[in-house]
Amino acid sequence: MTVVAEVAPLWVTARASGAAALVCASGSMAAGLLMALKPSVLRRHRVEVRAAHEALALATFALIVVHGLTLLLDPVLRPGLAGVLVPFASGFERVGTGLGQIAAYGMLALGLTFYARRRLGTQRWRRAHGAIPVFWALAVGHALLTGTDTGAWWFLAAILLPALACGALLAQRYGSERAAPA
């Protein structure tokens, strides 16, 4: 078996799981923002939107783990455990990789606060959960700076279209907070 044939499954899996994680994160964030914005058109579908939000978040977490594991096992990249787990320790595209590592830790930690929200208290949980867009933005930066597909039109379309939708929802969400009377 050639080196290319040995590497291809891990390389493809790493690429696909990373891109899919960002698309799922964007979908989860969009669903969460829609719940926060409470548009009247979705009033009847609140349960479905919440289920989609949670399912996409859990899919994101699983895909992040697959992304990290396949990169760890990549025989060409050989990042080592520190290169996969320690922000900015990778020898490959250090800044972009570091952004992705911080994004993964932030999204995992803050996303999982949902399951501890009763112990944390609603206000504290909402504040923590409300910081997820910062880590999502770091994940977008990671996707644009790191990897072999960063310049491919299909990759940019796949990640930027959901990202633009999230950006519009974020602007509406935080723009409406500023416009509301004190």
C-alpha atoms as a PDB file:
ATOM      1  CA  MET A   1       0.000   0.000   0.000  1.00  0.00           C
ATOM      2  CA  THR A   2       1.348   3.438  -0.855  1.00  0.00           C
ATOM      3  CA  VAL A   3       1.776   6.216   1.674  1.00  0.00           C
ATOM      4  CA  VAL A   4      -0.992   8.220  -0.015  1.00  0.00           C
ATOM      5  CA  ALA A   5      -3.441   5.324   0.295  1.00  0.00           C
ATOM      6  CA  GLU A   6      -2.538   4.919   3.990  1.00  0.00           C
ATOM      7  CA  VAL A   7      -2.895   8.609   4.747  1.00  0.00           C
ATOM      8  CA  ALA A   8      -5.969   9.386   2.657  1.00  0.00           C
ATOM      9  CA  PRO A   9      -8.644   7.994   5.020  1.00  0.00           C
ATOM     10  CA  LEU A  10      -7.289   9.937   8.013  1.00  0.00           C
ATOM     11  CA  TRP A  11      -6.673  13.080   5.985  1.00  0.00           C
ATOM     12  CA  VAL A  12     -10.159  13.001   4.464  1.00  0.00           C
ATOM     13  CA  THR A  13     -11.746  12.229   7.832  1.00  0.00           C
ATOM     14  CA  ALA A  14      -9.870  15.073   9.529  1.00  0.00           C
ATOM     15  CA  ARG A  15     -10.924  17.524   6.810  1.00  0.00           C
ATOM     16  CA  ALA A  16     -14.526  16.361   6.706  1.00  0.00           C
ATOM     17  CA  SER A  17     -14.992  16.235  10.474  1.00  0.00           C
ATOM     18  CA  GLY A  18     -13.508  19.712  10.921  1.00  0.00           C
ATOM     19  CA  ALA A  19     -15.703  21.271   8.239  1.00  0.00           C
ATOM     20  CA  ALA A  20     -18.771  19.388   9.461  1.00  0.00           C
ATOM     21  CA  ALA A  21     -18.087  20.497  13.048  1.00  0.00           C
ATOM     22  CA  LEU A  22     -18.122  24.134  11.963  1.00  0.00           C
ATOM     23  CA  VAL A  23     -21.290  23.710   9.888  1.00  0.00           C
ATOM     24  CA  CYS A  24     -23.019  21.967  12.821  1.00  0.00           C
ATOM     25  CA  ALA A  25     -21.779  24.641  15.248  1.00  0.00           C
ATOM     26  CA  SER A  26     -23.167  27.336  12.951  1.00  0.00           C
ATOM     27  CA  GLY A  27     -26.499  25.527  12.746  1.00  0.00           C
ATOM     28  CA  SER A  28     -26.660  25.074  16.508  1.00  0.00           C
ATOM     29  CA  MET A  29     -25.788  28.691  17.089  1.00  0.00           C
ATOM     30  CA  ALA A  30     -28.401  29.841  14.577  1.00  0.00           C
ATOM     31  CA  ALA A  31     -31.049  27.738  16.332  1.00  0.00           C
ATOM     32  CA  GLY A  32     -29.983  29.119  19.708  1.00  0.00           C
ATOM     33  CA  LEU A  33     -30.109  32.680  18.439  1.00  0.00           C
ATOM     34  CA  LEU A  34     -33.543  32.070  16.952  1.00  0.00           C
ATOM     35  CA  MET A  35     -34.744  30.839  20.345  1.00  0.00           C
ATOM     36  CA  ALA A  36     -33.300  33.958  21.982  1.00  0.00           C
ATOM     37  CA  LEU A  37     -34.846  36.271  19.380  1.00  0.00           C
ATOM     38  CA  LYS A  38     -38.238  34.541  19.711  1.00  0.00           C
ATOM     39  CA  PRO A  39     -39.621  35.392  16.266  1.00  0.00           C
ATOM     40  CA  SER A  40     -43.385  34.940  16.163  1.00  0.00           C
ATOM     41  CA  VAL A  41     -43.127  32.664  13.115  1.00  0.00           C
ATOM     42  CA  LEU A  42     -41.265  30.053  15.207  1.00  0.00           C
ATOM     43  CA  ARG A  43     -43.525  30.239  18.262  1.00  0.00           C
ATOM     44  CA  ARG A  44     -45.247  26.965  17.347  1.00  0.00           C
ATOM     45  CA  HIS A  45     -41.940  25.229  16.641  1.00  0.00           C
ATOM     46  CA  ARG A  46     -40.030  26.114  19.812  1.00  0.00           C
ATOM     47  CA  VAL A  47     -39.653  22.446  20.855  1.00  0.00           C
ATOM     48  CA  GLU A  48     -38.302  21.466  17.437  1.00  0.00           C
ATOM     49  CA  VAL A  49     -35.863  24.392  17.314  1.00  0.00           C
ATOM     50  CA  ARG A  50     -34.594  23.543  20.805  1.00  0.00           C
ATOM     51  CA  ALA A  51     -34.166  19.872  19.821  1.00  0.00           C
ATOM     52  CA  ALA A  52     -32.270  20.904  16.679  1.00  0.00           C
ATOM     53  CA  HIS A  53     -30.083  23.271  18.732  1.00  0.00           C
ATOM     54  CA  GLU A  54     -29.118  20.514  21.159  1.00  0.00           C
ATOM     55  CA  ALA A  55     -28.670  17.813  18.507  1.00  0.00           C
ATOM     56  CA  LEU A  56     -26.427  20.054  16.403  1.00  0.00           C
ATOM     57  CA  ALA A  57     -24.391  21.031  19.474  1.00  0.00           C
ATOM     58  CA  LEU A  58     -23.855  17.377  20.401  1.00  0.00           C
ATOM     59  CA  ALA A  59     -22.927  16.579  16.796  1.00  0.00           C
ATOM     60  CA  THR A  60     -20.437  19.448  16.916  1.00  0.00           C
ATOM     61  CA  PHE A  61     -18.831  18.021  20.053  1.00  0.00           C
ATOM     62  CA  ALA A  62     -18.546  14.550  18.510  1.00  0.00           C
ATOM     63  CA  LEU A  63     -17.077  15.952  15.294  1.00  0.00           C
ATOM     64  CA  ILE A  64     -14.518  18.012  17.228  1.00  0.00           C
ATOM     65  CA  VAL A  65     -13.360  14.823  18.958  1.00  0.00           C
ATOM     66  CA  VAL A  66     -13.153  12.946  15.628  1.00  0.00           C
ATOM     67  CA  HIS A  67     -11.254  15.892  14.099  1.00  0.00           C
ATOM     68  CA  GLY A  68      -8.701  15.894  16.915  1.00  0.00           C
ATOM     69  CA  LEU A  69      -8.281  12.114  16.972  1.00  0.00           C
ATOM     70  CA  THR A  70      -7.756  11.794  13.238  1.00  0.00           C
ATOM     71  CA  LEU A  71      -5.209  14.601  13.288  1.00  0.00           C
ATOM     72  CA  LEU A  72      -3.431  12.912  16.191  1.00  0.00           C
ATOM     73  CA  LEU A  73      -3.225   9.663  14.204  1.00  0.00           C
ATOM     74  CA  ASP A  74      -2.159  11.317  10.925  1.00  0.00           C
ATOM     75  CA  PRO A  75       1.170   9.709   9.941  1.00  0.00           C
ATOM     76  CA  VAL A  76       2.249  12.666   7.806  1.00  0.00           C
ATOM     77  CA  LEU A  77       1.332  15.572  10.108  1.00  0.00           C
ATOM     78  CA  ARG A  78       2.371  13.738  13.309  1.00  0.00           C
ATOM     79  CA  PRO A  79       1.391  16.569  15.641  1.00  0.00           C
ATOM     80  CA  GLY A  80       1.753  14.568  18.853  1.00  0.00           C
ATOM     81  CA  LEU A  81      -0.564  14.900  21.807  1.00  0.00           C
ATOM     82  CA  ALA A  82       0.650  18.409  22.662  1.00  0.00           C
ATOM     83  CA  GLY A  83       0.202  19.537  19.058  1.00  0.00           C
ATOM     84  CA  VAL A  84      -3.443  18.480  19.172  1.00  0.00           C
ATOM     85  CA  LEU A  85      -4.297  19.519  22.739  1.00  0.00           C
ATOM     86  CA  VAL A  86      -2.103  22.494  23.660  1.00  0.00           C
ATOM     87  CA  PRO A  87      -3.033  25.796  22.007  1.00  0.00           C
ATOM     88  CA  PHE A  88      -0.260  27.204  19.800  1.00  0.00           C
ATOM     89  CA  ALA A  89       2.028  24.180  20.429  1.00  0.00           C
ATOM     90  CA  SER A  90       1.512  22.687  16.969  1.00  0.00           C
ATOM     91  CA  GLY A  91       4.272  22.973  14.428  1.00  0.00           C
ATOM     92  CA  PHE A  92       1.653  23.221  11.658  1.00  0.00           C
ATOM     93  CA  GLU A  93       0.067  26.618  11.031  1.00  0.00           C
ATOM     94  CA  ARG A  94       0.505  27.525  14.685  1.00  0.00           C
ATOM     95  CA  VAL A  95      -1.854  30.520  14.879  1.00  0.00           C
ATOM     96  CA  GLY A  96      -4.721  28.958  12.969  1.00  0.00           C
ATOM     97  CA  THR A  97      -4.345  25.680  14.849  1.00  0.00           C
ATOM     98  CA  GLY A  98      -4.224  27.505  18.184  1.00  0.00           C
ATOM     99  CA  LEU A  99      -7.432  29.374  17.354  1.00  0.00           C
ATOM    100  CA  GLY A 100      -9.109  26.060  16.611  1.00  0.00           C
ATOM    101  CA  GLN A 101      -7.918  24.514  19.860  1.00  0.00           C
ATOM    102  CA  ILE A 102      -9.174  27.450  21.923  1.00  0.00           C
ATOM    103  CA  ALA A 103     -12.451  27.402  19.983  1.00  0.00           C
ATOM    104  CA  ALA A 104     -12.901  23.690  20.668  1.00  0.00           C
ATOM    105  CA  TYR A 105     -12.245  24.052  24.400  1.00  0.00           C
ATOM    106  CA  GLY A 106     -14.552  27.053  24.681  1.00  0.00           C
ATOM    107  CA  MET A 107     -17.420  25.532  22.727  1.00  0.00           C
ATOM    108  CA  LEU A 108     -17.161  22.215  24.577  1.00  0.00           C
ATOM    109  CA  ALA A 109     -16.957  23.780  28.037  1.00  0.00           C
ATOM    110  CA  LEU A 110     -19.619  26.424  27.532  1.00  0.00           C
ATOM    111  CA  GLY A 111     -21.903  24.178  25.494  1.00  0.00           C
ATOM    112  CA  LEU A 112     -21.861  21.523  28.186  1.00  0.00           C
ATOM    113  CA  THR A 113     -22.941  24.081  30.805  1.00  0.00           C
ATOM    114  CA  PHE A 114     -26.453  23.424  29.479  1.00  0.00           C
ATOM    115  CA  TYR A 115     -26.449  20.181  31.459  1.00  0.00           C
ATOM    116  CA  ALA A 116     -25.381  21.986  34.646  1.00  0.00           C
ATOM    117  CA  ARG A 117     -27.638  25.006  34.257  1.00  0.00           C
ATOM    118  CA  ARG A 118     -29.778  24.176  37.304  1.00  0.00           C
ATOM    119  CA  ARG A 119     -26.709  23.980  39.527  1.00  0.00           C
ATOM    120  CA  LEU A 120     -25.161  27.093  37.991  1.00  0.00           C
ATOM    121  CA  GLY A 121     -28.323  29.174  38.167  1.00  0.00           C
ATOM    122  CA  THR A 122     -30.138  30.561  35.167  1.00  0.00           C
ATOM    123  CA  GLN A 123     -28.421  33.960  35.071  1.00  0.00           C
ATOM    124  CA  ARG A 124     -24.906  32.559  35.423  1.00  0.00           C
ATOM    125  CA  TRP A 125     -25.639  29.865  32.834  1.00  0.00           C
ATOM    126  CA  ARG A 126     -27.038  32.400  30.338  1.00  0.00           C
ATOM    127  CA  ARG A 127     -23.941  34.602  30.704  1.00  0.00           C
ATOM    128  CA  ALA A 128     -21.619  31.636  30.170  1.00  0.00           C
ATOM    129  CA  HIS A 129     -23.667  30.263  27.290  1.00  0.00           C
ATOM    130  CA  GLY A 130     -23.814  33.742  25.753  1.00  0.00           C
ATOM    131  CA  ALA A 131     -20.022  33.704  25.287  1.00  0.00           C
ATOM    132  CA  ILE A 132     -20.186  30.796  22.818  1.00  0.00           C
ATOM    133  CA  PRO A 133     -20.262  33.130  19.768  1.00  0.00           C
ATOM    134  CA  VAL A 134     -16.726  34.271  20.662  1.00  0.00           C
ATOM    135  CA  PHE A 135     -15.453  30.696  20.408  1.00  0.00           C
ATOM    136  CA  TRP A 136     -17.521  30.058  17.288  1.00  0.00           C
ATOM    137  CA  ALA A 137     -15.824  33.094  15.679  1.00  0.00           C
ATOM    138  CA  LEU A 138     -12.431  31.612  16.609  1.00  0.00           C
ATOM    139  CA  ALA A 139     -13.512  28.366  14.908  1.00  0.00           C
ATOM    140  CA  VAL A 140     -14.362  30.322  11.759  1.00  0.00           C
ATOM    141  CA  GLY A 141     -10.909  31.915  11.935  1.00  0.00           C
ATOM    142  CA  HIS A 142      -9.365  28.456  12.354  1.00  0.00           C
ATOM    143  CA  ALA A 143     -11.203  27.196   9.278  1.00  0.00           C
ATOM    144  CA  LEU A 144     -10.110  30.162   7.175  1.00  0.00           C
ATOM    145  CA  LEU A 145      -6.457  29.996   8.265  1.00  0.00           C
ATOM    146  CA  THR A 146      -5.722  26.281   8.597  1.00  0.00           C
ATOM    147  CA  GLY A 147      -5.844  23.263   6.352  1.00  0.00           C
ATOM    148  CA  THR A 148      -5.631  22.247   2.758  1.00  0.00           C
ATOM    149  CA  ASP A 149      -9.104  23.433   1.711  1.00  0.00           C
ATOM    150  CA  THR A 150      -9.008  27.034   2.922  1.00  0.00           C
ATOM    151  CA  GLY A 151      -8.996  28.479  -0.591  1.00  0.00           C
ATOM    152  CA  ALA A 152     -11.393  26.046  -2.259  1.00  0.00           C
ATOM    153  CA  TRP A 153     -14.651  27.674  -3.379  1.00  0.00           C
ATOM    154  CA  TRP A 154     -16.793  24.740  -2.207  1.00  0.00           C
ATOM    155  CA  PHE A 155     -15.207  24.860   1.262  1.00  0.00           C
ATOM    156  CA  LEU A 156     -15.659  28.607   1.561  1.00  0.00           C
ATOM    157  CA  ALA A 157     -19.287  28.310   0.448  1.00  0.00           C
ATOM    158  CA  ALA A 158     -19.922  25.463   2.905  1.00  0.00           C
ATOM    159  CA  ILE A 159     -18.592  27.355   5.909  1.00  0.00           C
ATOM    160  CA  LEU A 160     -19.236  30.981   5.016  1.00  0.00           C
ATOM    161  CA  LEU A 161     -22.922  30.713   4.087  1.00  0.00           C
ATOM    162  CA  PRO A 162     -23.908  29.356   7.531  1.00  0.00           C
ATOM    163  CA  ALA A 163     -21.408  31.748   9.138  1.00  0.00           C
ATOM    164  CA  LEU A 164     -23.000  34.740   7.402  1.00  0.00           C
ATOM    165  CA  ALA A 165     -26.439  33.606   8.564  1.00  0.00           C
ATOM    166  CA  CYS A 166     -25.117  33.383  12.129  1.00  0.00           C
ATOM    167  CA  GLY A 167     -23.489  36.773  11.780  1.00  0.00           C
ATOM    168  CA  ALA A 168     -26.804  38.301  10.716  1.00  0.00           C
ATOM    169  CA  LEU A 169     -28.602  36.661  13.652  1.00  0.00           C
ATOM    170  CA  LEU A 170     -25.889  37.827  16.051  1.00  0.00           C
ATOM    171  CA  ALA A 171     -26.209  41.374  14.749  1.00  0.00           C
ATOM    172  CA  GLN A 172     -29.973  41.223  15.196  1.00  0.00           C
ATOM    173  CA  ARG A 173     -29.681  39.712  18.683  1.00  0.00           C
ATOM    174  CA  TYR A 174     -27.151  42.164  20.037  1.00  0.00           C
ATOM    175  CA  GLY A 175     -28.454  45.095  18.016  1.00  0.00           C
ATOM    176  CA  SER A 176     -31.904  44.580  19.544  1.00  0.00           C
ATOM    177  CA  GLU A 177     -30.387  44.600  23.063  1.00  0.00           C
ATOM    178  CA  ARG A 178     -28.805  47.987  22.423  1.00  0.00           C
ATOM    179  CA  ALA A 179     -31.985  49.394  20.917  1.00  0.00           C
ATOM    180  CA  ALA A 180     -34.138  48.282  23.884  1.00  0.00           C
ATOM    181  CA  PRO A 181     -34.810  51.003  26.485  1.00  0.00           C
ATOM    182  CA  ALA A 182     -32.919  50.656  29.754  1.00  0.00           C
END
